[in-house]
Amino acid sequence: MGYIKKGLLGISWWGSFRILARSISFIRIAILARILAPAQFGVFGLAALTLSSLEIITETGINVFLIQEEKNSQYINTAWVISILRGAIISLTIYSTASFITIFFKTPEAIQILKLISVIPFIKGFTNPAIINYQKNLHFKKEVYLRSMLFLVSTIVTIALAIITTATTSLVWGLIAAAIMETLFSLLFIKPLPQFKLEQNKTKKIIKQGKWVTLTGIFNHFFMTGDDLVVSKFLGKNNLGIYQMAYKISILPITEIADAFGRVSFPIYSKIAKDRQRLKKAFTKTTLTISALVIPFSVALFVFAEQFILIILGPKWIEAIPILKILAIFGAIRSITGSSSSVLLALKKQREVSYITLVSFLALIISIFPLMNKFGIIGVGIATIIGSMTALPLIIYYLRKELFYEK
């Protein structure tokens, strides 16, 4: 089967998984919302945010590296040891700083949740790195089956414990159950089985290429959350609620499409990276397909923003109409330009991707405060567009240099 057919199948599998996951999430939230109090979700949210932030800051780029390497089996042992050490560091950091975090955020009830959630990265650190070969070798069906199983296990454990205990810890135990299952599955059924062996030369190579993935993750994290932080700090909870609701309607459906394509296209690009003409055609087709799916949706949101808000949310959310229009534009730009990251990573240009995300982040920071002071919440939305557009010349430059060049 050719890469195009495998890619289409991969997108269909991941698209189906996204729909399934969103549907189950909706049902899970509906059930848990009747068992747990909003404050309990808030406490869990603080712990989850702490974990995700540390995971991003300490990202080693191992998965990207293993997909890029044609023969990655020689790096599995070293990658496993690095993964274990990273997991242990994250766990110890969360556990040892739990008291400080609860004092800083004035949520003493979160200390138990923080200490419990610190177990997750330690468990996940033992996951066999060779599990990435599902994605690398385009075995999307197997990967989706695995992710679906883990998601269902997490959901069942969470709901069952919530019904029995009505405790916030039920939200964490669901994640722990999924982490244990994934780790055991990878060690029992994924080959080759890693050994605890750290090779210096291989460690240096992984870290050398992976450090740029780390920086990319950090810059992208702050770019995607910076607007929320600014709105929350300076414009208040009401504006934050309006902004986040408009964001969910405009951005999330679009990013679901882009993420599915990104998940599938990166390993395919990596396999054909040495054939520039073939890679160029594949990238062009992917970008045009994403554009064909995203642009009509964004245009519809922009033109019929008022109808969307009134029908879906009701008249009390009418203030979200102008920001919805702006974020619809941002979502389209972000999804289309974001496809460049996959092809640049396939070409082992992690540094260039980190520069692109840095430029976007800096443009957002520079523009967001003056625009917010002048236009309020709408100014924040405009700043996200400026952040994305500012990086566009750099994206075009790197694509011309690395992909669309003639020898």
Protein backbone atom coordinates (compact mmCIF):
# COMPACT_ATOMS: atom_id res chain seq x y z
CA MET A 1 0.00 0.00 0.00
CA GLY A 2 1.38 3.43 -0.97
CA TYR A 3 2.00 6.25 1.49
CA ILE A 4 -0.97 8.25 0.19
CA LYS A 5 -3.40 5.41 0.91
CA LYS A 6 -1.77 4.77 4.29
CA GLY A 7 -2.00 8.47 5.04
CA LEU A 8 -5.69 8.61 4.17
CA LEU A 9 -6.36 5.54 6.30
CA GLY A 10 -4.34 7.06 9.13
CA ILE A 11 -6.32 10.29 8.99
CA SER A 12 -9.60 8.36 8.98
CA TRP A 13 -8.47 6.28 11.97
CA TRP A 14 -7.29 9.30 13.94
CA GLY A 15 -10.35 11.29 12.96
CA SER A 16 -12.57 8.49 14.23
CA PHE A 17 -10.58 8.31 17.46
CA ARG A 18 -10.91 12.07 18.01
CA ILE A 19 -14.67 11.88 17.52
CA LEU A 20 -14.91 8.89 19.87
CA ALA A 21 -12.71 10.56 22.49
CA ARG A 22 -14.68 13.82 22.35
CA SER A 23 -17.98 11.96 22.63
CA ILE A 24 -16.83 9.89 25.61
CA SER A 25 -15.32 12.99 27.24
CA PHE A 26 -18.66 14.76 26.95
CA ILE A 27 -20.45 11.84 28.60
CA ARG A 28 -17.75 11.56 31.29
CA ILE A 29 -17.98 15.27 32.12
CA ALA A 30 -21.78 15.06 32.26
CA ILE A 31 -21.58 12.18 34.77
CA LEU A 32 -18.74 13.57 36.88
CA ALA A 33 -20.32 17.03 37.03
CA ARG A 34 -23.23 15.48 38.94
CA ILE A 35 -20.93 13.71 41.40
CA LEU A 36 -18.05 16.13 42.00
CA ALA A 37 -18.19 19.82 42.89
CA PRO A 38 -16.71 22.58 40.68
CA ALA A 39 -14.05 23.24 43.33
CA GLN A 40 -12.87 19.63 43.01
CA PHE A 41 -12.38 20.08 39.27
CA GLY A 42 -10.46 23.27 40.04
CA VAL A 43 -8.09 21.46 42.40
CA PHE A 44 -7.51 18.72 39.83
CA GLY A 45 -6.99 21.38 37.15
CA LEU A 46 -4.18 22.95 39.19
CA ALA A 47 -2.43 19.60 39.59
CA ALA A 48 -2.90 18.71 35.91
CA LEU A 49 -1.55 22.11 34.85
CA THR A 50 1.52 21.62 37.04
CA LEU A 51 2.18 18.21 35.51
CA SER A 52 1.67 19.31 31.91
CA SER A 53 3.89 22.38 32.37
CA LEU A 54 6.77 20.29 33.75
CA GLU A 55 6.34 17.71 30.98
CA ILE A 56 6.63 20.46 28.38
CA ILE A 57 9.64 22.12 30.03
CA THR A 58 11.51 18.79 30.30
CA GLU A 59 10.49 17.42 26.87
CA THR A 60 13.53 15.62 25.43
CA GLY A 61 12.27 15.18 21.87
CA ILE A 62 12.90 11.42 22.01
CA ASN A 63 9.79 10.51 20.02
CA VAL A 64 10.61 12.98 17.25
CA PHE A 65 14.19 11.69 17.16
CA LEU A 66 13.15 8.02 16.95
CA ILE A 67 10.73 8.74 14.09
CA GLN A 68 13.41 10.68 12.21
CA GLU A 69 16.03 7.92 12.48
CA GLU A 70 15.74 5.25 9.79
CA LYS A 71 17.15 2.55 12.11
CA ASN A 72 16.18 3.56 15.62
CA SER A 73 16.58 0.21 17.44
CA GLN A 74 20.15 1.08 18.46
CA TYR A 75 18.85 4.10 20.38
CA ILE A 76 16.04 2.34 22.30
CA ASN A 77 18.15 1.50 25.40
CA THR A 78 19.49 5.02 25.78
CA ALA A 79 16.10 6.57 25.07
CA TRP A 80 14.54 4.36 27.77
CA VAL A 81 17.07 5.39 30.42
CA ILE A 82 16.62 9.08 29.55
CA SER A 83 12.84 8.63 29.76
CA ILE A 84 13.10 6.97 33.19
CA LEU A 85 15.37 9.72 34.53
CA ARG A 86 13.09 12.43 33.16
CA GLY A 87 10.03 10.81 34.73
CA ALA A 88 11.79 10.52 38.08
CA ILE A 89 12.87 14.18 37.98
CA ILE A 90 9.33 15.39 37.17
CA SER A 91 7.86 13.21 39.94
CA LEU A 92 10.35 14.39 42.56
CA THR A 93 9.87 18.01 41.53
CA ILE A 94 6.08 17.89 41.86
CA TYR A 95 6.20 15.95 45.13
CA SER A 96 8.82 18.18 46.77
CA THR A 97 7.21 21.46 45.68
CA ALA A 98 3.59 20.46 46.37
CA SER A 99 3.43 22.53 49.57
CA PHE A 100 4.88 25.61 47.87
CA ILE A 101 2.45 25.31 44.95
CA THR A 102 -0.58 25.07 47.25
CA ILE A 103 0.59 28.10 49.24
CA PHE A 104 1.24 30.15 46.09
CA PHE A 105 -2.20 29.38 44.63
CA LYS A 106 -3.90 29.44 48.05
CA THR A 107 -5.33 25.94 47.59
CA PRO A 108 -4.15 23.83 50.56
CA GLU A 109 -6.61 21.08 49.59
CA ALA A 110 -4.55 20.41 46.44
CA ILE A 111 -1.50 19.01 48.23
CA GLN A 112 -2.81 15.42 48.29
CA ILE A 113 -3.74 15.58 44.59
CA LEU A 114 -0.34 17.00 43.64
CA LYS A 115 1.51 14.26 45.51
CA LEU A 116 -0.69 11.58 43.95
CA ILE A 117 -0.38 12.94 40.41
CA SER A 118 3.43 13.00 40.81
CA VAL A 119 3.35 9.19 40.48
CA ILE A 120 2.21 9.38 36.83
CA PRO A 121 5.43 10.64 35.15
CA PHE A 122 7.47 8.08 37.12
CA ILE A 123 5.29 5.24 35.82
CA LYS A 124 5.21 6.58 32.25
CA GLY A 125 8.99 6.94 32.30
CA PHE A 126 9.29 3.14 32.09
CA THR A 127 7.23 2.94 28.88
CA ASN A 128 9.16 1.18 26.12
CA PRO A 129 10.27 3.93 23.67
CA ALA A 130 9.84 1.44 20.82
CA ILE A 131 6.09 1.99 21.11
CA ILE A 132 6.65 5.02 18.86
CA ASN A 133 7.22 2.55 16.01
CA TYR A 134 3.45 2.25 15.67
CA GLN A 135 3.50 5.83 14.43
CA LYS A 136 6.85 5.59 12.64
CA ASN A 137 5.84 2.50 10.66
CA LEU A 138 2.38 3.91 9.90
CA HIS A 139 0.53 1.32 11.98
CA PHE A 140 -2.16 3.85 12.77
CA LYS A 141 -4.88 1.25 13.31
CA LYS A 142 -2.89 -0.43 16.10
CA GLU A 143 -2.04 2.92 17.65
CA VAL A 144 -5.66 4.06 17.64
CA TYR A 145 -6.78 0.75 19.19
CA LEU A 146 -4.21 1.23 21.96
CA ARG A 147 -5.13 4.87 22.60
CA SER A 148 -8.83 4.01 22.62
CA MET A 149 -8.26 1.22 25.14
CA LEU A 150 -6.24 3.50 27.44
CA PHE A 151 -8.84 6.25 27.18
CA LEU A 152 -11.67 3.85 28.05
CA VAL A 153 -9.73 2.41 31.02
CA SER A 154 -9.07 5.91 32.36
CA THR A 155 -12.74 6.85 31.95
CA ILE A 156 -14.12 3.68 33.58
CA VAL A 157 -11.76 3.87 36.58
CA THR A 158 -12.43 7.57 37.08
CA ILE A 159 -16.23 7.27 36.97
CA ALA A 160 -16.29 4.11 39.12
CA LEU A 161 -14.13 5.64 41.86
CA ALA A 162 -16.01 8.93 41.69
CA ILE A 163 -19.29 7.10 42.30
CA ILE A 164 -17.80 5.07 45.17
CA THR A 165 -15.72 7.77 46.90
CA THR A 166 -16.91 11.17 45.53
CA ALA A 167 -13.26 12.18 45.98
CA THR A 168 -11.10 14.38 43.76
CA THR A 169 -8.48 11.62 43.74
CA SER A 170 -10.74 9.59 41.42
CA LEU A 171 -9.75 11.94 38.58
CA VAL A 172 -6.08 11.13 39.18
CA TRP A 173 -6.51 7.38 39.67
CA GLY A 174 -8.02 7.14 36.20
CA LEU A 175 -4.84 8.64 34.74
CA ILE A 176 -2.66 6.36 36.87
CA ALA A 177 -4.55 3.29 35.66
CA ALA A 178 -4.01 4.30 32.02
CA ALA A 179 -0.30 4.99 32.66
CA ILE A 180 0.20 1.57 34.27
CA MET A 181 -1.62 -0.19 31.42
CA GLU A 182 0.37 1.61 28.71
CA THR A 183 3.69 0.88 30.43
CA LEU A 184 2.88 -2.82 30.95
CA PHE A 185 1.60 -3.18 27.38
CA SER A 186 4.76 -1.61 25.95
CA LEU A 187 7.05 -3.86 28.00
CA LEU A 188 5.11 -7.06 27.33
CA PHE A 189 4.13 -6.71 23.68
CA ILE A 190 6.43 -4.15 22.02
CA LYS A 191 9.78 -5.21 20.59
CA PRO A 192 12.68 -4.67 21.02
CA LEU A 193 12.58 -4.77 24.81
CA PRO A 194 14.85 -2.02 26.22
CA GLN A 195 17.74 -2.61 28.60
CA PHE A 196 18.93 -0.20 31.27
CA LYS A 197 22.00 0.91 29.34
CA LEU A 198 23.03 4.53 28.78
CA GLU A 199 25.51 5.11 25.93
CA GLN A 200 27.27 8.46 26.01
CA ASN A 201 27.54 9.09 22.27
CA LYS A 202 23.89 8.21 21.67
CA THR A 203 22.80 10.35 24.62
CA LYS A 204 24.63 13.34 23.17
CA LYS A 205 23.00 12.86 19.78
CA ILE A 206 19.49 12.58 21.25
CA ILE A 207 19.96 15.65 23.46
CA LYS A 208 21.58 17.65 20.66
CA GLN A 209 18.59 17.19 18.37
CA GLY A 210 16.01 17.07 21.13
CA LYS A 211 16.88 20.36 22.84
CA TRP A 212 15.23 22.29 20.00
CA VAL A 213 12.05 20.25 20.42
CA THR A 214 12.13 21.23 24.10
CA LEU A 215 12.39 24.93 23.23
CA THR A 216 9.65 24.60 20.61
CA GLY A 217 7.34 23.05 23.20
CA ILE A 218 8.04 25.80 25.73
CA PHE A 219 7.55 28.67 23.26
CA ASN A 220 4.41 27.09 21.82
CA HIS A 221 2.98 26.43 25.29
CA PHE A 222 3.37 30.08 26.30
CA PHE A 223 2.07 31.29 22.94
CA MET A 224 -1.08 29.19 23.27
CA THR A 225 -1.69 30.03 26.94
CA GLY A 226 -0.34 33.59 27.12
CA ASP A 227 -3.58 35.18 25.94
CA ASP A 228 -5.59 33.32 28.61
CA LEU A 229 -3.18 34.42 31.34
CA VAL A 230 -3.35 38.07 30.25
CA VAL A 231 -7.15 38.09 30.03
CA SER A 232 -7.43 36.37 33.42
CA LYS A 233 -5.00 38.76 35.12
CA PHE A 234 -6.05 42.10 33.61
CA LEU A 235 -9.60 41.74 32.24
CA GLY A 236 -11.27 39.55 34.87
CA LYS A 237 -13.11 36.26 35.09
CA ASN A 238 -16.10 37.38 33.01
CA ASN A 239 -13.95 38.30 30.03
CA LEU A 240 -11.91 35.13 30.48
CA GLY A 241 -15.09 33.06 30.31
CA ILE A 242 -16.19 34.85 27.14
CA TYR A 243 -12.75 34.51 25.56
CA GLN A 244 -12.36 30.81 26.38
CA MET A 245 -15.85 29.97 25.15
CA ALA A 246 -15.20 31.74 21.83
CA TYR A 247 -11.85 29.93 21.67
CA LYS A 248 -13.48 26.52 22.16
CA ILE A 249 -16.01 27.13 19.39
CA SER A 250 -13.54 28.57 16.88
CA ILE A 251 -10.18 26.93 17.55
CA LEU A 252 -10.79 23.42 18.87
CA PRO A 253 -12.71 22.05 15.84
CA ILE A 254 -10.05 23.47 13.53
CA THR A 255 -7.11 22.15 15.55
CA GLU A 256 -8.72 18.70 15.66
CA ILE A 257 -8.40 18.61 11.87
CA ALA A 258 -4.84 19.96 11.86
CA ASP A 259 -3.69 17.64 14.67
CA ALA A 260 -5.02 14.55 12.89
CA PHE A 261 -3.13 15.51 9.73
CA GLY A 262 0.00 16.34 11.72
CA ARG A 263 -0.03 13.01 13.54
CA VAL A 264 -0.16 11.13 10.25
CA SER A 265 1.93 13.36 7.97
CA PHE A 266 5.08 13.61 10.12
CA PRO A 267 6.07 9.90 9.97
CA ILE A 268 5.21 9.80 6.25
CA TYR A 269 7.32 12.89 5.56
CA SER A 270 10.18 11.30 7.54
CA LYS A 271 10.11 8.20 5.33
CA ILE A 272 10.35 10.20 2.10
CA ALA A 273 12.57 13.02 3.43
CA LYS A 274 15.45 12.12 1.10
CA ASP A 275 13.24 12.41 -1.98
CA ARG A 276 12.71 16.19 -2.14
CA GLN A 277 10.33 16.14 -5.11
CA ARG A 278 8.13 13.51 -3.52
CA LEU A 279 8.23 15.32 -0.19
CA LYS A 280 7.36 18.62 -1.86
CA LYS A 281 4.31 17.11 -3.55
CA ALA A 282 3.14 15.41 -0.34
CA PHE A 283 3.49 18.62 1.69
CA THR A 284 1.68 20.68 -0.94
CA LYS A 285 -1.23 18.22 -1.13
CA THR A 286 -1.50 18.06 2.67
CA THR A 287 -1.48 21.84 3.06
CA LEU A 288 -4.08 22.31 0.32
CA THR A 289 -6.30 19.63 1.89
CA ILE A 290 -6.09 21.24 5.33
CA SER A 291 -6.86 24.62 3.76
CA ALA A 292 -9.86 23.19 1.90
CA LEU A 293 -11.26 21.83 5.17
CA VAL A 294 -10.37 24.69 7.51
CA ILE A 295 -11.04 27.84 5.44
CA PRO A 296 -14.76 27.18 4.74
CA PHE A 297 -15.36 26.48 8.44
CA SER A 298 -13.51 29.66 9.47
CA VAL A 299 -15.35 31.77 6.88
CA ALA A 300 -18.69 30.37 8.08
CA LEU A 301 -17.78 31.21 11.68
CA PHE A 302 -16.76 34.73 10.72
CA VAL A 303 -19.85 35.46 8.60
CA PHE A 304 -22.39 33.75 10.86
CA ALA A 305 -20.74 34.46 14.23
CA GLU A 306 -23.89 36.02 15.66
CA GLN A 307 -26.06 33.08 14.63
CA PHE A 308 -23.52 30.59 16.04
CA ILE A 309 -23.44 32.34 19.41
CA LEU A 310 -27.19 32.85 19.73
CA ILE A 311 -28.10 29.31 18.66
CA ILE A 312 -25.34 27.40 20.47
CA LEU A 313 -24.77 29.51 23.60
CA GLY A 314 -27.76 31.82 23.89
CA PRO A 315 -28.19 35.62 24.18
CA LYS A 316 -26.19 35.99 27.41
CA TRP A 317 -23.03 35.20 25.41
CA ILE A 318 -23.58 37.92 22.80
CA GLU A 319 -20.35 39.68 23.88
CA ALA A 320 -18.42 36.73 22.44
CA ILE A 321 -19.47 37.53 18.85
CA PRO A 322 -16.62 39.94 17.89
CA ILE A 323 -13.92 37.84 19.53
CA LEU A 324 -15.29 34.72 17.83
CA LYS A 325 -14.76 36.38 14.44
CA ILE A 326 -11.17 37.25 15.29
CA LEU A 327 -10.33 33.82 16.66
CA ALA A 328 -11.85 32.19 13.56
CA ILE A 329 -9.20 34.01 11.51
CA PHE A 330 -6.47 33.03 13.99
CA GLY A 331 -7.53 29.37 13.90
CA ALA A 332 -7.34 29.20 10.11
CA ILE A 333 -3.89 30.83 10.00
CA ARG A 334 -2.57 28.64 12.80
CA SER A 335 -3.80 25.39 11.27
CA ILE A 336 -2.49 26.10 7.77
CA THR A 337 0.93 27.44 8.82
CA GLY A 338 1.24 24.72 11.46
CA SER A 339 1.57 22.06 8.76
CA SER A 340 5.05 23.42 8.04
CA SER A 341 6.31 22.11 11.40
CA SER A 342 5.78 18.47 10.39
CA VAL A 343 7.78 18.76 7.18
CA LEU A 344 10.61 20.75 8.80
CA LEU A 345 10.86 18.19 11.61
CA ALA A 346 10.97 15.40 9.02
CA LEU A 347 13.96 17.22 7.51
CA LYS A 348 15.54 17.32 11.01
CA LYS A 349 15.19 21.10 11.20
CA GLN A 350 14.13 21.27 14.85
CA ARG A 351 16.09 24.48 15.36
CA GLU A 352 14.18 26.25 12.60
CA VAL A 353 10.84 25.17 14.09
CA SER A 354 11.89 26.54 17.49
CA TYR A 355 12.83 29.87 15.88
CA ILE A 356 9.38 30.07 14.26
CA THR A 357 7.59 29.46 17.57
CA LEU A 358 9.88 31.95 19.33
CA VAL A 359 9.04 34.69 16.81
CA SER A 360 5.31 34.01 17.25
CA PHE A 361 5.63 34.13 21.04
CA LEU A 362 7.66 37.37 21.04
CA ALA A 363 5.24 39.04 18.61
CA LEU A 364 2.35 38.07 20.88
CA ILE A 365 4.04 39.44 24.00
CA ILE A 366 5.03 42.71 22.32
CA SER A 367 1.59 43.39 20.82
CA ILE A 368 -0.83 42.01 23.40
CA PHE A 369 -0.55 44.71 26.09
CA PRO A 370 -0.92 47.84 23.94
CA LEU A 371 -3.74 46.22 21.96
CA MET A 372 -5.47 45.06 25.14
CA ASN A 373 -5.23 48.54 26.65
CA LYS A 374 -6.79 50.08 23.54
CA PHE A 375 -9.35 47.46 22.46
CA GLY A 376 -9.82 45.22 25.50
CA ILE A 377 -10.56 41.55 24.88
CA ILE A 378 -10.75 42.13 21.11
CA GLY A 379 -7.20 43.49 21.23
CA VAL A 380 -6.02 40.23 22.81
CA GLY A 381 -7.54 38.30 19.91
CA ILE A 382 -5.88 40.61 17.38
CA ALA A 383 -2.53 39.99 19.12
CA THR A 384 -2.86 36.24 18.50
CA ILE A 385 -3.31 36.94 14.78
CA ILE A 386 -0.26 39.23 14.78
CA GLY A 387 1.76 36.54 16.56
CA SER A 388 0.90 33.96 13.89
CA MET A 389 1.32 36.32 10.93
CA THR A 390 4.69 37.65 12.13
CA ALA A 391 6.22 34.18 11.82
CA LEU A 392 4.85 33.70 8.29
CA PRO A 393 7.85 35.27 6.45
CA LEU A 394 10.20 33.04 8.45
CA ILE A 395 8.11 29.95 7.62
CA ILE A 396 8.17 30.82 3.91
CA TYR A 397 11.94 31.42 4.05
CA TYR A 398 12.67 28.05 5.68
CA LEU A 399 10.34 26.17 3.33
CA ARG A 400 11.99 27.77 0.29
CA LYS A 401 15.44 27.04 1.65
CA GLU A 402 14.90 23.47 2.85
CA LEU A 403 12.16 22.16 0.55
CA PHE A 404 11.31 24.35 -2.44
CA TYR A 405 14.79 24.79 -3.78
CA GLU A 406 16.36 23.77 -7.06
CA LYS A 407 19.80 22.23 -7.13
